[in-house]
Amino acid sequence: HLDLHPSSGGDNYIDFASVPFQIP
C-alpha cells in the first residue's frame, strides 16, 4: 500500500490502498 510515514515538512501519515503493480 502507499505507506508514507510522517514527514519533515509536517505531514501526518499518508496511507491508502494500492493495487499490485509493475516496475517500468
mmCIF file of all heavy atoms, coordinates in Angstrom:
data_MODEL
# 
_entry.id   MODEL 
# 
loop_
_atom_site.group_PDB 
_atom_site.id 
_atom_site.type_symbol 
_atom_site.label_atom_id 
_atom_site.label_alt_id 
_atom_site.label_comp_id 
_atom_site.label_asym_id 
_atom_site.label_entity_id 
_atom_site.label_seq_id 
_atom_site.pdbx_PDB_ins_code 
_atom_site.Cartn_x 
_atom_site.Cartn_y 
_atom_site.Cartn_z 
_atom_site.occupancy 
_atom_site.B_iso_or_equiv 
_atom_site.pdbx_formal_charge 
_atom_site.auth_seq_id 
_atom_site.auth_comp_id 
_atom_site.auth_asym_id 
_atom_site.auth_atom_id 
_atom_site.pdbx_PDB_model_num 
ATOM 1   N N   . HIS A 1 1  ? 0.839  -1.200 0.000   1.00 0.00 ? 1  HIS A N   1 
ATOM 2   C CA  . HIS A 1 1  ? 0.000  0.000  0.000   1.00 0.00 ? 1  HIS A CA  1 
ATOM 3   C C   . HIS A 1 1  ? 0.872  1.247  0.000   1.00 0.00 ? 1  HIS A C   1 
ATOM 4   O O   . HIS A 1 1  ? 2.073  1.198  0.313   1.00 0.00 ? 1  HIS A O   1 
ATOM 5   C CB  . HIS A 1 1  ? -0.958 -0.008 1.193   1.00 0.00 ? 1  HIS A CB  1 
ATOM 6   C CG  . HIS A 1 1  ? -0.273 -0.015 2.527   1.00 0.00 ? 1  HIS A CG  1 
ATOM 7   N ND1 . HIS A 1 1  ? -0.347 1.026  3.412   1.00 0.00 ? 1  HIS A ND1 1 
ATOM 8   C CD2 . HIS A 1 1  ? 0.503  -0.948 3.139   1.00 0.00 ? 1  HIS A CD2 1 
ATOM 9   C CE1 . HIS A 1 1  ? 0.345  0.744  4.504   1.00 0.00 ? 1  HIS A CE1 1 
ATOM 10  N NE2 . HIS A 1 1  ? 0.870  -0.453 4.360   1.00 0.00 ? 1  HIS A NE2 1 
ATOM 11  N N   . LEU A 1 2  ? 0.305  2.385  -0.392  1.00 0.00 ? 2  LEU A N   1 
ATOM 12  C CA  . LEU A 1 2  ? 1.061  3.631  -0.368  1.00 0.00 ? 2  LEU A CA  1 
ATOM 13  C C   . LEU A 1 2  ? 1.192  4.065  1.083   1.00 0.00 ? 2  LEU A C   1 
ATOM 14  O O   . LEU A 1 2  ? 0.240  4.561  1.689   1.00 0.00 ? 2  LEU A O   1 
ATOM 15  C CB  . LEU A 1 2  ? 0.376  4.708  -1.215  1.00 0.00 ? 2  LEU A CB  1 
ATOM 16  C CG  . LEU A 1 2  ? 0.614  4.541  -2.721  1.00 0.00 ? 2  LEU A CG  1 
ATOM 17  C CD1 . LEU A 1 2  ? -0.512 3.742  -3.355  1.00 0.00 ? 2  LEU A CD1 1 
ATOM 18  C CD2 . LEU A 1 2  ? 0.767  5.881  -3.398  1.00 0.00 ? 2  LEU A CD2 1 
ATOM 19  N N   . ASP A 1 3  ? 2.355  3.859  1.644   1.00 0.00 ? 3  ASP A N   1 
ATOM 20  C CA  . ASP A 1 3  ? 2.613  3.979  3.072   1.00 0.00 ? 3  ASP A CA  1 
ATOM 21  C C   . ASP A 1 3  ? 3.679  5.039  3.293   1.00 0.00 ? 3  ASP A C   1 
ATOM 22  O O   . ASP A 1 3  ? 4.868  4.763  3.205   1.00 0.00 ? 3  ASP A O   1 
ATOM 23  C CB  . ASP A 1 3  ? 3.067  2.608  3.603   1.00 0.00 ? 3  ASP A CB  1 
ATOM 24  C CG  . ASP A 1 3  ? 3.541  2.667  5.047   1.00 0.00 ? 3  ASP A CG  1 
ATOM 25  O OD1 . ASP A 1 3  ? 3.107  3.565  5.785   1.00 0.00 ? 3  ASP A OD1 1 
ATOM 26  O OD2 . ASP A 1 3  ? 4.366  1.810  5.436   1.00 0.00 ? 3  ASP A OD2 1 
ATOM 27  N N   . LEU A 1 4  ? 3.228  6.262  3.569   1.00 0.00 ? 4  LEU A N   1 
ATOM 28  C CA  . LEU A 1 4  ? 4.158  7.356  3.847   1.00 0.00 ? 4  LEU A CA  1 
ATOM 29  C C   . LEU A 1 4  ? 4.070  7.725  5.320   1.00 0.00 ? 4  LEU A C   1 
ATOM 30  O O   . LEU A 1 4  ? 3.001  8.101  5.827   1.00 0.00 ? 4  LEU A O   1 
ATOM 31  C CB  . LEU A 1 4  ? 3.834  8.578  2.983   1.00 0.00 ? 4  LEU A CB  1 
ATOM 32  C CG  . LEU A 1 4  ? 4.297  8.489  1.528   1.00 0.00 ? 4  LEU A CG  1 
ATOM 33  C CD1 . LEU A 1 4  ? 3.314  7.697  0.689   1.00 0.00 ? 4  LEU A CD1 1 
ATOM 34  C CD2 . LEU A 1 4  ? 4.484  9.877  0.938   1.00 0.00 ? 4  LEU A CD2 1 
ATOM 35  N N   . HIS A 1 5  ? 5.192  7.625  6.017   1.00 0.00 ? 5  HIS A N   1 
ATOM 36  C CA  . HIS A 1 5  ? 5.238  7.989  7.427   1.00 0.00 ? 5  HIS A CA  1 
ATOM 37  C C   . HIS A 1 5  ? 5.269  9.508  7.579   1.00 0.00 ? 5  HIS A C   1 
ATOM 38  O O   . HIS A 1 5  ? 5.556  10.228 6.623   1.00 0.00 ? 5  HIS A O   1 
ATOM 39  C CB  . HIS A 1 5  ? 6.468  7.356  8.077   1.00 0.00 ? 5  HIS A CB  1 
ATOM 40  C CG  . HIS A 1 5  ? 6.305  5.894  8.362   1.00 0.00 ? 5  HIS A CG  1 
ATOM 41  N ND1 . HIS A 1 5  ? 6.549  5.332  9.592   1.00 0.00 ? 5  HIS A ND1 1 
ATOM 42  C CD2 . HIS A 1 5  ? 5.897  4.870  7.570   1.00 0.00 ? 5  HIS A CD2 1 
ATOM 43  C CE1 . HIS A 1 5  ? 6.311  4.029  9.552   1.00 0.00 ? 5  HIS A CE1 1 
ATOM 44  N NE2 . HIS A 1 5  ? 5.916  3.729  8.324   1.00 0.00 ? 5  HIS A NE2 1 
ATOM 45  N N   . PRO A 1 6  ? 4.961  10.013 8.779   1.00 0.00 ? 6  PRO A N   1 
ATOM 46  C CA  . PRO A 1 6  ? 5.018  11.463 8.992   1.00 0.00 ? 6  PRO A CA  1 
ATOM 47  C C   . PRO A 1 6  ? 6.334  12.044 8.500   1.00 0.00 ? 6  PRO A C   1 
ATOM 48  O O   . PRO A 1 6  ? 7.386  11.397 8.580   1.00 0.00 ? 6  PRO A O   1 
ATOM 49  C CB  . PRO A 1 6  ? 4.875  11.588 10.512  1.00 0.00 ? 6  PRO A CB  1 
ATOM 50  C CG  . PRO A 1 6  ? 4.047  10.396 10.896  1.00 0.00 ? 6  PRO A CG  1 
ATOM 51  C CD  . PRO A 1 6  ? 4.511  9.295  9.985   1.00 0.00 ? 6  PRO A CD  1 
ATOM 52  N N   . SER A 1 7  ? 6.272  13.256 7.999   1.00 0.00 ? 7  SER A N   1 
ATOM 53  C CA  . SER A 1 7  ? 7.411  13.795 7.254   1.00 0.00 ? 7  SER A CA  1 
ATOM 54  C C   . SER A 1 7  ? 8.037  15.008 7.931   1.00 0.00 ? 7  SER A C   1 
ATOM 55  O O   . SER A 1 7  ? 7.464  15.622 8.840   1.00 0.00 ? 7  SER A O   1 
ATOM 56  C CB  . SER A 1 7  ? 6.955  14.183 5.847   1.00 0.00 ? 7  SER A CB  1 
ATOM 57  O OG  . SER A 1 7  ? 6.040  15.271 5.924   1.00 0.00 ? 7  SER A OG  1 
ATOM 58  N N   . SER A 1 8  ? 9.205  15.373 7.433   1.00 0.00 ? 8  SER A N   1 
ATOM 59  C CA  . SER A 1 8  ? 9.931  16.522 7.975   1.00 0.00 ? 8  SER A CA  1 
ATOM 60  C C   . SER A 1 8  ? 9.231  17.835 7.654   1.00 0.00 ? 8  SER A C   1 
ATOM 61  O O   . SER A 1 8  ? 9.542  18.861 8.259   1.00 0.00 ? 8  SER A O   1 
ATOM 62  C CB  . SER A 1 8  ? 11.358 16.544 7.405   1.00 0.00 ? 8  SER A CB  1 
ATOM 63  O OG  . SER A 1 8  ? 11.333 16.617 5.985   1.00 0.00 ? 8  SER A OG  1 
ATOM 64  N N   . GLY A 1 9  ? 8.293  17.815 6.710   1.00 0.00 ? 9  GLY A N   1 
ATOM 65  C CA  . GLY A 1 9  ? 7.535  19.016 6.383   1.00 0.00 ? 9  GLY A CA  1 
ATOM 66  C C   . GLY A 1 9  ? 6.248  19.161 7.165   1.00 0.00 ? 9  GLY A C   1 
ATOM 67  O O   . GLY A 1 9  ? 5.463  20.086 6.909   1.00 0.00 ? 9  GLY A O   1 
ATOM 68  N N   . GLY A 1 10 ? 5.987  18.253 8.095   1.00 0.00 ? 10 GLY A N   1 
ATOM 69  C CA  . GLY A 1 10 ? 4.817  18.385 8.958   1.00 0.00 ? 10 GLY A CA  1 
ATOM 70  C C   . GLY A 1 10 ? 3.580  17.653 8.497   1.00 0.00 ? 10 GLY A C   1 
ATOM 71  O O   . GLY A 1 10 ? 2.485  17.897 9.011   1.00 0.00 ? 10 GLY A O   1 
ATOM 72  N N   . ASP A 1 11 ? 3.714  16.730 7.542   1.00 0.00 ? 11 ASP A N   1 
ATOM 73  C CA  . ASP A 1 11 ? 2.567  15.918 7.138   1.00 0.00 ? 11 ASP A CA  1 
ATOM 74  C C   . ASP A 1 11 ? 2.427  14.723 8.067   1.00 0.00 ? 11 ASP A C   1 
ATOM 75  O O   . ASP A 1 11 ? 3.413  14.046 8.369   1.00 0.00 ? 11 ASP A O   1 
ATOM 76  C CB  . ASP A 1 11 ? 2.750  15.389 5.707   1.00 0.00 ? 11 ASP A CB  1 
ATOM 77  C CG  . ASP A 1 11 ? 2.679  16.492 4.670   1.00 0.00 ? 11 ASP A CG  1 
ATOM 78  O OD1 . ASP A 1 11 ? 1.945  17.469 4.894   1.00 0.00 ? 11 ASP A OD1 1 
ATOM 79  O OD2 . ASP A 1 11 ? 3.379  16.380 3.638   1.00 0.00 ? 11 ASP A OD2 1 
ATOM 80  N N   . ASN A 1 12 ? 1.212  14.444 8.497   1.00 0.00 ? 12 ASN A N   1 
ATOM 81  C CA  . ASN A 1 12 ? 0.932  13.204 9.194   1.00 0.00 ? 12 ASN A CA  1 
ATOM 82  C C   . ASN A 1 12 ? 0.981  12.065 8.171   1.00 0.00 ? 12 ASN A C   1 
ATOM 83  O O   . ASN A 1 12 ? 1.304  12.275 7.001   1.00 0.00 ? 12 ASN A O   1 
ATOM 84  C CB  . ASN A 1 12 ? -0.443 13.281 9.872   1.00 0.00 ? 12 ASN A CB  1 
ATOM 85  C CG  . ASN A 1 12 ? -0.582 12.353 11.059  1.00 0.00 ? 12 ASN A CG  1 
ATOM 86  O OD1 . ASN A 1 12 ? -0.012 11.263 11.091  1.00 0.00 ? 12 ASN A OD1 1 
ATOM 87  N ND2 . ASN A 1 12 ? -1.360 12.778 12.047  1.00 0.00 ? 12 ASN A ND2 1 
ATOM 88  N N   . TYR A 1 13 ? 0.665  10.844 8.600   1.00 0.00 ? 13 TYR A N   1 
ATOM 89  C CA  . TYR A 1 13 ? 0.670  9.712  7.675   1.00 0.00 ? 13 TYR A CA  1 
ATOM 90  C C   . TYR A 1 13 ? -0.131 10.019 6.403   1.00 0.00 ? 13 TYR A C   1 
ATOM 91  O O   . TYR A 1 13 ? -1.194 10.654 6.456   1.00 0.00 ? 13 TYR A O   1 
ATOM 92  C CB  . TYR A 1 13 ? 0.032  8.488  8.330   1.00 0.00 ? 13 TYR A CB  1 
ATOM 93  C CG  . TYR A 1 13 ? 0.878  7.765  9.334   1.00 0.00 ? 13 TYR A CG  1 
ATOM 94  C CD1 . TYR A 1 13 ? 0.620  7.896  10.700  1.00 0.00 ? 13 TYR A CD1 1 
ATOM 95  C CD2 . TYR A 1 13 ? 1.905  6.924  8.933   1.00 0.00 ? 13 TYR A CD2 1 
ATOM 96  C CE1 . TYR A 1 13 ? 1.377  7.215  11.642  1.00 0.00 ? 13 TYR A CE1 1 
ATOM 97  C CE2 . TYR A 1 13 ? 2.670  6.238  9.869   1.00 0.00 ? 13 TYR A CE2 1 
ATOM 98  C CZ  . TYR A 1 13 ? 2.403  6.389  11.214  1.00 0.00 ? 13 TYR A CZ  1 
ATOM 99  O OH  . TYR A 1 13 ? 3.156  5.713  12.142  1.00 0.00 ? 13 TYR A OH  1 
ATOM 100 N N   . ILE A 1 14 ? 0.387  9.575  5.281   1.00 0.00 ? 14 ILE A N   1 
ATOM 101 C CA  . ILE A 1 14 ? -0.385 9.495  4.036   1.00 0.00 ? 14 ILE A CA  1 
ATOM 102 C C   . ILE A 1 14 ? -0.443 8.022  3.708   1.00 0.00 ? 14 ILE A C   1 
ATOM 103 O O   . ILE A 1 14 ? 0.585  7.404  3.391   1.00 0.00 ? 14 ILE A O   1 
ATOM 104 C CB  . ILE A 1 14 ? 0.263  10.305 2.903   1.00 0.00 ? 14 ILE A CB  1 
ATOM 105 C CG1 . ILE A 1 14 ? 0.377  11.779 3.302   1.00 0.00 ? 14 ILE A CG1 1 
ATOM 106 C CG2 . ILE A 1 14 ? -0.528 10.144 1.608   1.00 0.00 ? 14 ILE A CG2 1 
ATOM 107 C CD1 . ILE A 1 14 ? 1.108  12.637 2.285   1.00 0.00 ? 14 ILE A CD1 1 
ATOM 108 N N   . ASP A 1 15 ? -1.608 7.430  3.812   1.00 0.00 ? 15 ASP A N   1 
ATOM 109 C CA  . ASP A 1 15 ? -1.718 5.974  3.755   1.00 0.00 ? 15 ASP A CA  1 
ATOM 110 C C   . ASP A 1 15 ? -3.015 5.602  3.050   1.00 0.00 ? 15 ASP A C   1 
ATOM 111 O O   . ASP A 1 15 ? -4.101 5.934  3.526   1.00 0.00 ? 15 ASP A O   1 
ATOM 112 C CB  . ASP A 1 15 ? -1.696 5.402  5.183   1.00 0.00 ? 15 ASP A CB  1 
ATOM 113 C CG  . ASP A 1 15 ? -1.665 3.890  5.216   1.00 0.00 ? 15 ASP A CG  1 
ATOM 114 O OD1 . ASP A 1 15 ? -2.717 3.282  4.958   1.00 0.00 ? 15 ASP A OD1 1 
ATOM 115 O OD2 . ASP A 1 15 ? -0.602 3.328  5.513   1.00 0.00 ? 15 ASP A OD2 1 
ATOM 116 N N   . PHE A 1 16 ? -2.891 4.957  1.896   1.00 0.00 ? 16 PHE A N   1 
ATOM 117 C CA  . PHE A 1 16 ? -4.086 4.490  1.192   1.00 0.00 ? 16 PHE A CA  1 
ATOM 118 C C   . PHE A 1 16 ? -3.734 3.294  0.325   1.00 0.00 ? 16 PHE A C   1 
ATOM 119 O O   . PHE A 1 16 ? -2.563 3.002  0.067   1.00 0.00 ? 16 PHE A O   1 
ATOM 120 C CB  . PHE A 1 16 ? -4.743 5.615  0.388   1.00 0.00 ? 16 PHE A CB  1 
ATOM 121 C CG  . PHE A 1 16 ? -3.824 6.364  -0.537  1.00 0.00 ? 16 PHE A CG  1 
ATOM 122 C CD1 . PHE A 1 16 ? -3.701 6.015  -1.866  1.00 0.00 ? 16 PHE A CD1 1 
ATOM 123 C CD2 . PHE A 1 16 ? -3.088 7.449  -0.065  1.00 0.00 ? 16 PHE A CD2 1 
ATOM 124 C CE1 . PHE A 1 16 ? -2.872 6.715  -2.718  1.00 0.00 ? 16 PHE A CE1 1 
ATOM 125 C CE2 . PHE A 1 16 ? -2.244 8.162  -0.911  1.00 0.00 ? 16 PHE A CE2 1 
ATOM 126 C CZ  . PHE A 1 16 ? -2.136 7.785  -2.243  1.00 0.00 ? 16 PHE A CZ  1 
ATOM 127 N N   . ALA A 1 17 ? -4.758 2.604  -0.123  1.00 0.00 ? 17 ALA A N   1 
ATOM 128 C CA  . ALA A 1 17 ? -4.582 1.315  -0.794  1.00 0.00 ? 17 ALA A CA  1 
ATOM 129 C C   . ALA A 1 17 ? -4.037 1.480  -2.201  1.00 0.00 ? 17 ALA A C   1 
ATOM 130 O O   . ALA A 1 17 ? -4.339 2.445  -2.910  1.00 0.00 ? 17 ALA A O   1 
ATOM 131 C CB  . ALA A 1 17 ? -5.912 0.573  -0.838  1.00 0.00 ? 17 ALA A CB  1 
ATOM 132 N N   . SER A 1 18 ? -3.243 0.498  -2.602  1.00 0.00 ? 18 SER A N   1 
ATOM 133 C CA  . SER A 1 18 ? -2.769 0.404  -3.981  1.00 0.00 ? 18 SER A CA  1 
ATOM 134 C C   . SER A 1 18 ? -3.300 -0.897 -4.570  1.00 0.00 ? 18 SER A C   1 
ATOM 135 O O   . SER A 1 18 ? -4.060 -1.624 -3.929  1.00 0.00 ? 18 SER A O   1 
ATOM 136 C CB  . SER A 1 18 ? -1.239 0.422  -4.033  1.00 0.00 ? 18 SER A CB  1 
ATOM 137 O OG  . SER A 1 18 ? -0.713 -0.799 -3.532  1.00 0.00 ? 18 SER A OG  1 
ATOM 138 N N   . VAL A 1 19 ? -2.898 -1.178 -5.794  1.00 0.00 ? 19 VAL A N   1 
ATOM 139 C CA  . VAL A 1 19 ? -3.176 -2.463 -6.424  1.00 0.00 ? 19 VAL A CA  1 
ATOM 140 C C   . VAL A 1 19 ? -1.841 -3.056 -6.864  1.00 0.00 ? 19 VAL A C   1 
ATOM 141 O O   . VAL A 1 19 ? -0.851 -2.334 -7.024  1.00 0.00 ? 19 VAL A O   1 
ATOM 142 C CB  . VAL A 1 19 ? -4.128 -2.324 -7.626  1.00 0.00 ? 19 VAL A CB  1 
ATOM 143 C CG1 . VAL A 1 19 ? -5.529 -2.005 -7.153  1.00 0.00 ? 19 VAL A CG1 1 
ATOM 144 C CG2 . VAL A 1 19 ? -3.647 -1.250 -8.593  1.00 0.00 ? 19 VAL A CG2 1 
ATOM 145 N N   . PRO A 1 20 ? -1.760 -4.372 -7.033  1.00 0.00 ? 20 PRO A N   1 
ATOM 146 C CA  . PRO A 1 20 ? -0.493 -4.974 -7.486  1.00 0.00 ? 20 PRO A CA  1 
ATOM 147 C C   . PRO A 1 20 ? 0.004  -4.286 -8.753  1.00 0.00 ? 20 PRO A C   1 
ATOM 148 O O   . PRO A 1 20 ? -0.761 -4.064 -9.700  1.00 0.00 ? 20 PRO A O   1 
ATOM 149 C CB  . PRO A 1 20 ? -0.877 -6.437 -7.731  1.00 0.00 ? 20 PRO A CB  1 
ATOM 150 C CG  . PRO A 1 20 ? -2.003 -6.677 -6.772  1.00 0.00 ? 20 PRO A CG  1 
ATOM 151 C CD  . PRO A 1 20 ? -2.787 -5.403 -6.766  1.00 0.00 ? 20 PRO A CD  1 
ATOM 152 N N   . PHE A 1 21 ? 1.299  -3.956 -8.765  1.00 0.00 ? 21 PHE A N   1 
ATOM 153 C CA  . PHE A 1 21 ? 1.826  -3.086 -9.817  1.00 0.00 ? 21 PHE A CA  1 
ATOM 154 C C   . PHE A 1 21 ? 3.048  -3.698 -10.493 1.00 0.00 ? 21 PHE A C   1 
ATOM 155 O O   . PHE A 1 21 ? 3.604  -4.703 -10.037 1.00 0.00 ? 21 PHE A O   1 
ATOM 156 C CB  . PHE A 1 21 ? 2.188  -1.714 -9.236  1.00 0.00 ? 21 PHE A CB  1 
ATOM 157 C CG  . PHE A 1 21 ? 3.092  -1.768 -8.019  1.00 0.00 ? 21 PHE A CG  1 
ATOM 158 C CD1 . PHE A 1 21 ? 4.453  -1.990 -8.126  1.00 0.00 ? 21 PHE A CD1 1 
ATOM 159 C CD2 . PHE A 1 21 ? 2.547  -1.595 -6.749  1.00 0.00 ? 21 PHE A CD2 1 
ATOM 160 C CE1 . PHE A 1 21 ? 5.268  -2.028 -7.003  1.00 0.00 ? 21 PHE A CE1 1 
ATOM 161 C CE2 . PHE A 1 21 ? 3.363  -1.637 -5.609  1.00 0.00 ? 21 PHE A CE2 1 
ATOM 162 C CZ  . PHE A 1 21 ? 4.723  -1.860 -5.745  1.00 0.00 ? 21 PHE A CZ  1 
ATOM 163 N N   . GLN A 1 22 ? 3.464  -3.061 -11.583 1.00 0.00 ? 22 GLN A N   1 
ATOM 164 C CA  . GLN A 1 22 ? 4.677  -3.432 -12.306 1.00 0.00 ? 22 GLN A CA  1 
ATOM 165 C C   . GLN A 1 22 ? 5.763  -2.391 -12.065 1.00 0.00 ? 22 GLN A C   1 
ATOM 166 O O   . GLN A 1 22 ? 5.500  -1.270 -11.613 1.00 0.00 ? 22 GLN A O   1 
ATOM 167 C CB  . GLN A 1 22 ? 4.384  -3.534 -13.806 1.00 0.00 ? 22 GLN A CB  1 
ATOM 168 C CG  . GLN A 1 22 ? 3.435  -4.647 -14.198 1.00 0.00 ? 22 GLN A CG  1 
ATOM 169 C CD  . GLN A 1 22 ? 3.049  -4.568 -15.666 1.00 0.00 ? 22 GLN A CD  1 
ATOM 170 O OE1 . GLN A 1 22 ? 2.601  -3.541 -16.144 1.00 0.00 ? 22 GLN A OE1 1 
ATOM 171 N NE2 . GLN A 1 22 ? 3.234  -5.674 -16.389 1.00 0.00 ? 22 GLN A NE2 1 
ATOM 172 N N   . ILE A 1 23 ? 6.996  -2.775 -12.371 1.00 0.00 ? 23 ILE A N   1 
ATOM 173 C CA  . ILE A 1 23 ? 8.149  -1.871 -12.292 1.00 0.00 ? 23 ILE A CA  1 
ATOM 174 C C   . ILE A 1 23 ? 8.550  -1.532 -13.726 1.00 0.00 ? 23 ILE A C   1 
ATOM 175 O O   . ILE A 1 23 ? 9.061  -2.386 -14.452 1.00 0.00 ? 23 ILE A O   1 
ATOM 176 C CB  . ILE A 1 23 ? 9.324  -2.526 -11.559 1.00 0.00 ? 23 ILE A CB  1 
ATOM 177 C CG1 . ILE A 1 23 ? 8.904  -2.973 -10.154 1.00 0.00 ? 23 ILE A CG1 1 
ATOM 178 C CG2 . ILE A 1 23 ? 10.520 -1.573 -11.496 1.00 0.00 ? 23 ILE A CG2 1 
ATOM 179 C CD1 . ILE A 1 23 ? 9.910  -3.902 -9.483  1.00 0.00 ? 23 ILE A CD1 1 
ATOM 180 N N   . PRO A 1 24 ? 8.309  -0.298 -14.189 1.00 0.00 ? 24 PRO A N   1 
ATOM 181 C CA  . PRO A 1 24 ? 8.657  0.047  -15.570 1.00 0.00 ? 24 PRO A CA  1 
ATOM 182 C C   . PRO A 1 24 ? 10.145 0.331  -15.724 1.00 0.00 ? 24 PRO A C   1 
ATOM 183 O O   . PRO A 1 24 ? 10.760 1.005  -14.885 1.00 0.00 ? 24 PRO A O   1 
ATOM 184 C CB  . PRO A 1 24 ? 7.828  1.303  -15.839 1.00 0.00 ? 24 PRO A CB  1 
ATOM 185 C CG  . PRO A 1 24 ? 7.649  1.926  -14.490 1.00 0.00 ? 24 PRO A CG  1 
ATOM 186 C CD  . PRO A 1 24 ? 7.607  0.798  -13.494 1.00 0.00 ? 24 PRO A CD  1 
# 
